[in-house]
Amino acid sequence: MAATVAIGIQNFAELREKKYFYIDKTSFIREWWESGDSVTLITRPRRFGKTLNMSMVEAFFSLDYANRGELFEGLGIWRDEQCRALQGTYPVIFLSFARIKENNYEGCKEREWFWQI
């Protein structure tokens, strides 16, 4: 049976746990890690997968996902033993502005959910 294409899900763990269709972009993790950049700015058009990619990076590095290697089994990053050793070993701060639709700070401040980020 073909995997379901889950439109709008931006959580990597959820996609993998529910076995939704996922195009393997884990090579980004290795490329980014090996680049040695001190700052990374990811700019892409709307609906281009920025939040999902950041969720993938969080799931790979975050201490909250330690011992959750099954999320990456069968994906490119998991074939690299050195990368596999990095999974779940760093504290991660993940901020997404995907839900913010206001044009200015004052508009955001008025929204109750803004303070729950």
N, C-alpha and C. Protein backbone atom coordinates (compact mmCIF):
# COMPACT_ATOMS: atom_id res chain seq x y z
N MET A 1 0.85 -1.18 0.00
CA MET A 1 0.00 0.00 0.00
C MET A 1 0.89 1.24 0.00
N ALA A 2 0.53 2.22 -0.79
CA ALA A 2 1.32 3.46 -0.91
C ALA A 2 1.18 4.30 0.35
N ALA A 3 2.25 5.01 0.68
CA ALA A 3 2.23 5.89 1.84
C ALA A 3 1.34 7.09 1.57
N THR A 4 0.69 7.59 2.62
CA THR A 4 -0.16 8.76 2.51
C THR A 4 0.69 10.02 2.44
N VAL A 5 0.33 10.92 1.55
CA VAL A 5 0.99 12.23 1.48
C VAL A 5 0.27 13.13 2.46
N ALA A 6 0.97 13.54 3.50
CA ALA A 6 0.39 14.36 4.56
C ALA A 6 0.69 15.82 4.28
N ILE A 7 -0.28 16.54 3.82
CA ILE A 7 -0.10 17.95 3.48
C ILE A 7 -0.28 18.80 4.73
N GLY A 8 0.67 19.67 4.97
CA GLY A 8 0.57 20.61 6.08
C GLY A 8 1.21 20.15 7.37
N ILE A 9 1.67 18.92 7.46
CA ILE A 9 2.33 18.45 8.68
C ILE A 9 3.78 18.92 8.64
N GLN A 10 4.17 19.65 9.68
CA GLN A 10 5.50 20.24 9.73
C GLN A 10 6.36 19.62 10.82
N ASN A 11 5.92 18.49 11.36
CA ASN A 11 6.64 17.82 12.44
C ASN A 11 7.26 16.53 11.91
N PHE A 12 8.59 16.50 11.87
CA PHE A 12 9.31 15.36 11.32
C PHE A 12 8.96 14.06 12.04
N ALA A 13 8.97 14.08 13.36
CA ALA A 13 8.69 12.87 14.13
C ALA A 13 7.30 12.32 13.80
N GLU A 14 6.33 13.20 13.69
CA GLU A 14 4.97 12.76 13.37
C GLU A 14 4.92 12.11 11.99
N LEU A 15 5.60 12.71 11.01
CA LEU A 15 5.62 12.13 9.66
C LEU A 15 6.20 10.72 9.68
N ARG A 16 7.29 10.55 10.41
CA ARG A 16 7.97 9.25 10.44
C ARG A 16 7.20 8.23 11.27
N GLU A 17 6.65 8.65 12.40
CA GLU A 17 5.91 7.72 13.26
C GLU A 17 4.66 7.20 12.57
N LYS A 18 3.99 8.05 11.83
CA LYS A 18 2.75 7.65 11.16
C LYS A 18 3.00 7.11 9.76
N LYS A 19 4.30 7.00 9.40
CA LYS A 19 4.72 6.42 8.12
C LYS A 19 4.12 7.14 6.92
N TYR A 20 4.00 8.45 7.03
CA TYR A 20 3.57 9.25 5.90
C TYR A 20 4.69 9.34 4.87
N PHE A 21 4.34 9.66 3.66
CA PHE A 21 5.31 9.81 2.59
C PHE A 21 6.30 10.92 2.95
N TYR A 22 7.58 10.63 2.80
CA TYR A 22 8.61 11.61 3.14
C TYR A 22 9.76 11.47 2.15
N ILE A 23 10.14 12.57 1.52
CA ILE A 23 11.31 12.59 0.64
C ILE A 23 12.52 12.84 1.52
N ASP A 24 13.49 11.95 1.49
CA ASP A 24 14.65 12.00 2.37
C ASP A 24 15.50 13.24 2.08
N LYS A 25 15.53 14.14 3.04
CA LYS A 25 16.36 15.34 2.96
C LYS A 25 17.41 15.35 4.06
N THR A 26 17.68 14.18 4.64
CA THR A 26 18.61 14.12 5.76
C THR A 26 20.06 14.40 5.36
N SER A 27 20.36 14.36 4.08
CA SER A 27 21.73 14.71 3.66
C SER A 27 22.03 16.17 4.01
N PHE A 28 20.97 16.98 4.14
CA PHE A 28 21.15 18.37 4.56
C PHE A 28 21.85 18.44 5.92
N ILE A 29 21.51 17.52 6.83
CA ILE A 29 22.11 17.51 8.16
C ILE A 29 23.62 17.34 8.06
N ARG A 30 24.04 16.36 7.29
CA ARG A 30 25.48 16.09 7.14
C ARG A 30 26.17 17.28 6.48
N GLU A 31 25.61 17.79 5.40
CA GLU A 31 26.21 18.92 4.70
C GLU A 31 26.33 20.14 5.61
N TRP A 32 25.29 20.41 6.36
CA TRP A 32 25.29 21.56 7.26
C TRP A 32 26.31 21.37 8.37
N TRP A 33 26.34 20.18 8.98
CA TRP A 33 27.25 19.88 10.08
C TRP A 33 28.71 20.00 9.62
N GLU A 34 28.99 19.48 8.46
CA GLU A 34 30.36 19.47 7.95
C GLU A 34 30.81 20.83 7.41
N SER A 35 29.88 21.72 7.14
CA SER A 35 30.24 23.04 6.59
C SER A 35 30.99 23.89 7.60
N GLY A 36 30.73 23.68 8.88
CA GLY A 36 31.41 24.44 9.92
C GLY A 36 30.98 25.89 10.01
N ASP A 37 29.87 26.25 9.39
CA ASP A 37 29.37 27.62 9.46
C ASP A 37 28.99 27.99 10.88
N SER A 38 29.28 29.22 11.27
CA SER A 38 28.89 29.66 12.61
C SER A 38 27.45 30.16 12.62
N VAL A 39 26.96 30.58 11.47
CA VAL A 39 25.57 31.05 11.35
C VAL A 39 25.01 30.49 10.05
N THR A 40 23.77 30.04 10.10
CA THR A 40 23.11 29.54 8.90
C THR A 40 21.78 30.25 8.74
N LEU A 41 21.56 30.85 7.59
CA LEU A 41 20.29 31.50 7.28
C LEU A 41 19.63 30.68 6.18
N ILE A 42 18.44 30.20 6.47
CA ILE A 42 17.72 29.38 5.50
C ILE A 42 16.56 30.20 4.96
N THR A 43 16.68 30.59 3.73
CA THR A 43 15.62 31.38 3.08
C THR A 43 15.08 30.61 1.90
N ARG A 44 13.80 30.45 1.87
CA ARG A 44 13.11 29.78 0.77
C ARG A 44 11.72 30.39 0.68
N PRO A 45 11.04 30.21 -0.45
CA PRO A 45 9.66 30.73 -0.56
C PRO A 45 8.73 30.03 0.42
N ARG A 46 7.56 30.61 0.60
CA ARG A 46 6.53 29.98 1.45
C ARG A 46 6.25 28.58 0.95
N ARG A 47 5.90 27.70 1.90
CA ARG A 47 5.49 26.31 1.61
C ARG A 47 6.62 25.50 0.96
N PHE A 48 7.84 25.82 1.30
CA PHE A 48 9.00 25.17 0.69
C PHE A 48 9.67 24.18 1.64
N GLY A 49 9.11 23.97 2.83
CA GLY A 49 9.61 22.96 3.75
C GLY A 49 10.62 23.44 4.77
N LYS A 50 10.69 24.73 5.02
CA LYS A 50 11.66 25.26 6.00
C LYS A 50 11.39 24.71 7.39
N THR A 51 10.16 24.79 7.85
CA THR A 51 9.82 24.34 9.20
C THR A 51 10.00 22.84 9.33
N LEU A 52 9.62 22.08 8.33
CA LEU A 52 9.82 20.63 8.38
C LEU A 52 11.31 20.29 8.43
N ASN A 53 12.13 20.98 7.66
CA ASN A 53 13.57 20.72 7.71
C ASN A 53 14.15 21.07 9.07
N MET A 54 13.70 22.16 9.66
CA MET A 54 14.18 22.52 10.99
C MET A 54 13.71 21.50 12.03
N SER A 55 12.51 20.99 11.87
CA SER A 55 12.01 19.95 12.76
C SER A 55 12.85 18.68 12.62
N MET A 56 13.26 18.37 11.40
CA MET A 56 14.13 17.22 11.16
C MET A 56 15.47 17.40 11.87
N VAL A 57 16.06 18.60 11.76
CA VAL A 57 17.33 18.89 12.42
C VAL A 57 17.17 18.79 13.94
N GLU A 58 16.06 19.32 14.45
CA GLU A 58 15.80 19.22 15.89
C GLU A 58 15.72 17.76 16.32
N ALA A 59 14.96 16.96 15.60
CA ALA A 59 14.80 15.55 15.96
C ALA A 59 16.13 14.81 15.89
N PHE A 60 17.00 15.24 15.02
CA PHE A 60 18.29 14.57 14.90
C PHE A 60 19.23 14.92 16.05
N PHE A 61 19.34 16.19 16.39
CA PHE A 61 20.33 16.62 17.37
C PHE A 61 19.83 16.72 18.80
N SER A 62 18.57 17.00 19.00
CA SER A 62 18.05 17.35 20.33
C SER A 62 18.14 16.23 21.36
N LEU A 63 18.50 16.64 22.57
CA LEU A 63 18.50 15.71 23.71
C LEU A 63 17.11 15.14 23.94
N ASP A 64 16.07 15.90 23.58
CA ASP A 64 14.69 15.43 23.74
C ASP A 64 14.40 14.21 22.87
N TYR A 65 15.20 14.01 21.83
CA TYR A 65 15.01 12.88 20.91
C TYR A 65 16.11 11.84 21.06
N ALA A 66 16.86 11.89 22.16
CA ALA A 66 17.90 10.88 22.39
C ALA A 66 17.25 9.50 22.37
N ASN A 67 17.94 8.55 21.80
CA ASN A 67 17.44 7.17 21.68
C ASN A 67 16.19 7.06 20.80
N ARG A 68 16.04 8.00 19.88
CA ARG A 68 14.92 7.94 18.92
C ARG A 68 15.45 7.73 17.51
N GLY A 69 16.52 6.96 17.41
CA GLY A 69 17.14 6.69 16.12
C GLY A 69 16.21 6.05 15.11
N GLU A 70 15.16 5.40 15.59
CA GLU A 70 14.21 4.76 14.66
C GLU A 70 13.57 5.76 13.71
N LEU A 71 13.54 7.02 14.11
CA LEU A 71 13.00 8.06 13.22
C LEU A 71 13.84 8.21 11.96
N PHE A 72 15.11 7.83 12.03
CA PHE A 72 16.03 8.02 10.92
C PHE A 72 16.43 6.72 10.22
N GLU A 73 15.94 5.61 10.72
CA GLU A 73 16.26 4.32 10.09
C GLU A 73 15.75 4.31 8.66
N GLY A 74 16.60 3.84 7.76
CA GLY A 74 16.23 3.78 6.34
C GLY A 74 16.52 5.07 5.59
N LEU A 75 16.94 6.11 6.28
CA LEU A 75 17.25 7.39 5.64
C LEU A 75 18.76 7.52 5.47
N GLY A 76 19.17 8.39 4.58
CA GLY A 76 20.57 8.54 4.23
C GLY A 76 21.49 8.82 5.40
N ILE A 77 21.09 9.68 6.30
CA ILE A 77 21.93 10.09 7.42
C ILE A 77 22.27 8.90 8.31
N TRP A 78 21.38 7.92 8.38
CA TRP A 78 21.57 6.79 9.29
C TRP A 78 22.60 5.79 8.78
N ARG A 79 22.97 5.89 7.52
CA ARG A 79 24.01 5.01 6.97
C ARG A 79 25.41 5.44 7.38
N ASP A 80 25.54 6.68 7.84
CA ASP A 80 26.84 7.23 8.23
C ASP A 80 27.02 7.05 9.73
N GLU A 81 27.94 6.18 10.11
CA GLU A 81 28.13 5.85 11.53
C GLU A 81 28.54 7.06 12.37
N GLN A 82 29.37 7.93 11.82
CA GLN A 82 29.79 9.14 12.56
C GLN A 82 28.60 10.06 12.80
N CYS A 83 27.73 10.20 11.83
CA CYS A 83 26.53 11.03 12.01
C CYS A 83 25.57 10.37 12.99
N ARG A 84 25.43 9.08 12.88
CA ARG A 84 24.53 8.35 13.78
C ARG A 84 24.90 8.59 15.24
N ALA A 85 26.19 8.71 15.52
CA ALA A 85 26.67 8.94 16.89
C ALA A 85 26.26 10.32 17.41
N LEU A 86 25.91 11.24 16.53
CA LEU A 86 25.51 12.60 16.94
C LEU A 86 24.04 12.69 17.32
N GLN A 87 23.25 11.70 16.94
CA GLN A 87 21.81 11.77 17.14
C GLN A 87 21.47 11.86 18.63
N GLY A 88 20.70 12.90 18.97
CA GLY A 88 20.21 13.08 20.34
C GLY A 88 21.25 13.52 21.34
N THR A 89 22.27 14.26 20.90
CA THR A 89 23.38 14.60 21.80
C THR A 89 23.55 16.08 22.10
N TYR A 90 22.66 16.94 21.63
CA TYR A 90 22.83 18.38 21.84
C TYR A 90 21.53 19.01 22.35
N PRO A 91 21.67 20.04 23.18
CA PRO A 91 20.47 20.83 23.51
C PRO A 91 20.12 21.67 22.28
N VAL A 92 18.85 21.76 21.98
CA VAL A 92 18.39 22.48 20.78
C VAL A 92 17.31 23.47 21.17
N ILE A 93 17.44 24.67 20.67
CA ILE A 93 16.38 25.68 20.78
C ILE A 93 15.77 25.80 19.39
N PHE A 94 14.49 25.53 19.29
CA PHE A 94 13.81 25.53 18.00
C PHE A 94 12.71 26.60 18.03
N LEU A 95 12.90 27.64 17.25
CA LEU A 95 11.91 28.70 17.14
C LEU A 95 11.38 28.73 15.72
N SER A 96 10.09 28.70 15.58
CA SER A 96 9.47 28.79 14.27
C SER A 96 8.50 29.97 14.27
N PHE A 97 8.56 30.72 13.22
CA PHE A 97 7.64 31.85 13.05
C PHE A 97 6.57 31.51 12.02
N ALA A 98 6.39 30.24 11.72
CA ALA A 98 5.46 29.80 10.69
C ALA A 98 4.02 30.23 10.97
N ARG A 99 3.64 30.29 12.24
CA ARG A 99 2.25 30.65 12.57
C ARG A 99 2.03 32.15 12.67
N ILE A 100 3.08 32.92 12.61
CA ILE A 100 2.94 34.37 12.74
C ILE A 100 2.54 34.97 11.41
N LYS A 101 1.39 35.59 11.38
CA LYS A 101 0.86 36.14 10.13
C LYS A 101 0.69 37.66 10.20
N GLU A 102 1.07 38.25 11.31
CA GLU A 102 0.91 39.69 11.49
C GLU A 102 2.00 40.44 10.72
N ASN A 103 1.76 41.71 10.46
CA ASN A 103 2.71 42.53 9.71
C ASN A 103 3.67 43.31 10.58
N ASN A 104 3.39 43.36 11.90
CA ASN A 104 4.27 44.13 12.78
C ASN A 104 4.23 43.54 14.19
N TYR A 105 5.15 44.01 15.02
CA TYR A 105 5.28 43.50 16.38
C TYR A 105 4.03 43.76 17.20
N GLU A 106 3.45 44.95 17.06
CA GLU A 106 2.25 45.28 17.84
C GLU A 106 1.12 44.32 17.55
N GLY A 107 0.94 43.96 16.28
CA GLY A 107 -0.08 43.00 15.91
C GLY A 107 0.16 41.64 16.54
N CYS A 108 1.41 41.23 16.59
CA CYS A 108 1.78 39.95 17.21
C CYS A 108 1.53 39.98 18.71
N LYS A 109 1.88 41.10 19.32
CA LYS A 109 1.75 41.23 20.77
C LYS A 109 0.30 41.10 21.23
N GLU A 110 -0.62 41.51 20.38
CA GLU A 110 -2.03 41.44 20.72
C GLU A 110 -2.57 40.01 20.68
N ARG A 111 -1.88 39.13 20.00
CA ARG A 111 -2.32 37.74 19.89
C ARG A 111 -1.93 36.95 21.12
N GLU A 112 -2.88 36.25 21.72
CA GLU A 112 -2.63 35.48 22.93
C GLU A 112 -1.61 34.37 22.68
N TRP A 113 -1.69 33.69 21.53
CA TRP A 113 -0.79 32.58 21.26
C TRP A 113 0.65 33.01 21.11
N PHE A 114 0.89 34.28 20.80
CA PHE A 114 2.26 34.77 20.60
C PHE A 114 3.11 34.52 21.84
N TRP A 115 2.51 34.66 23.01
CA TRP A 115 3.25 34.53 24.26
C TRP A 115 3.39 33.08 24.69
N GLN A 116 2.84 32.16 23.94
CA GLN A 116 2.95 30.75 24.26
C GLN A 116 4.02 30.05 23.43
N ILE A 117 4.72 30.78 22.62
CA ILE A 117 5.75 30.21 21.74
C ILE A 117 6.90 29.71 22.59
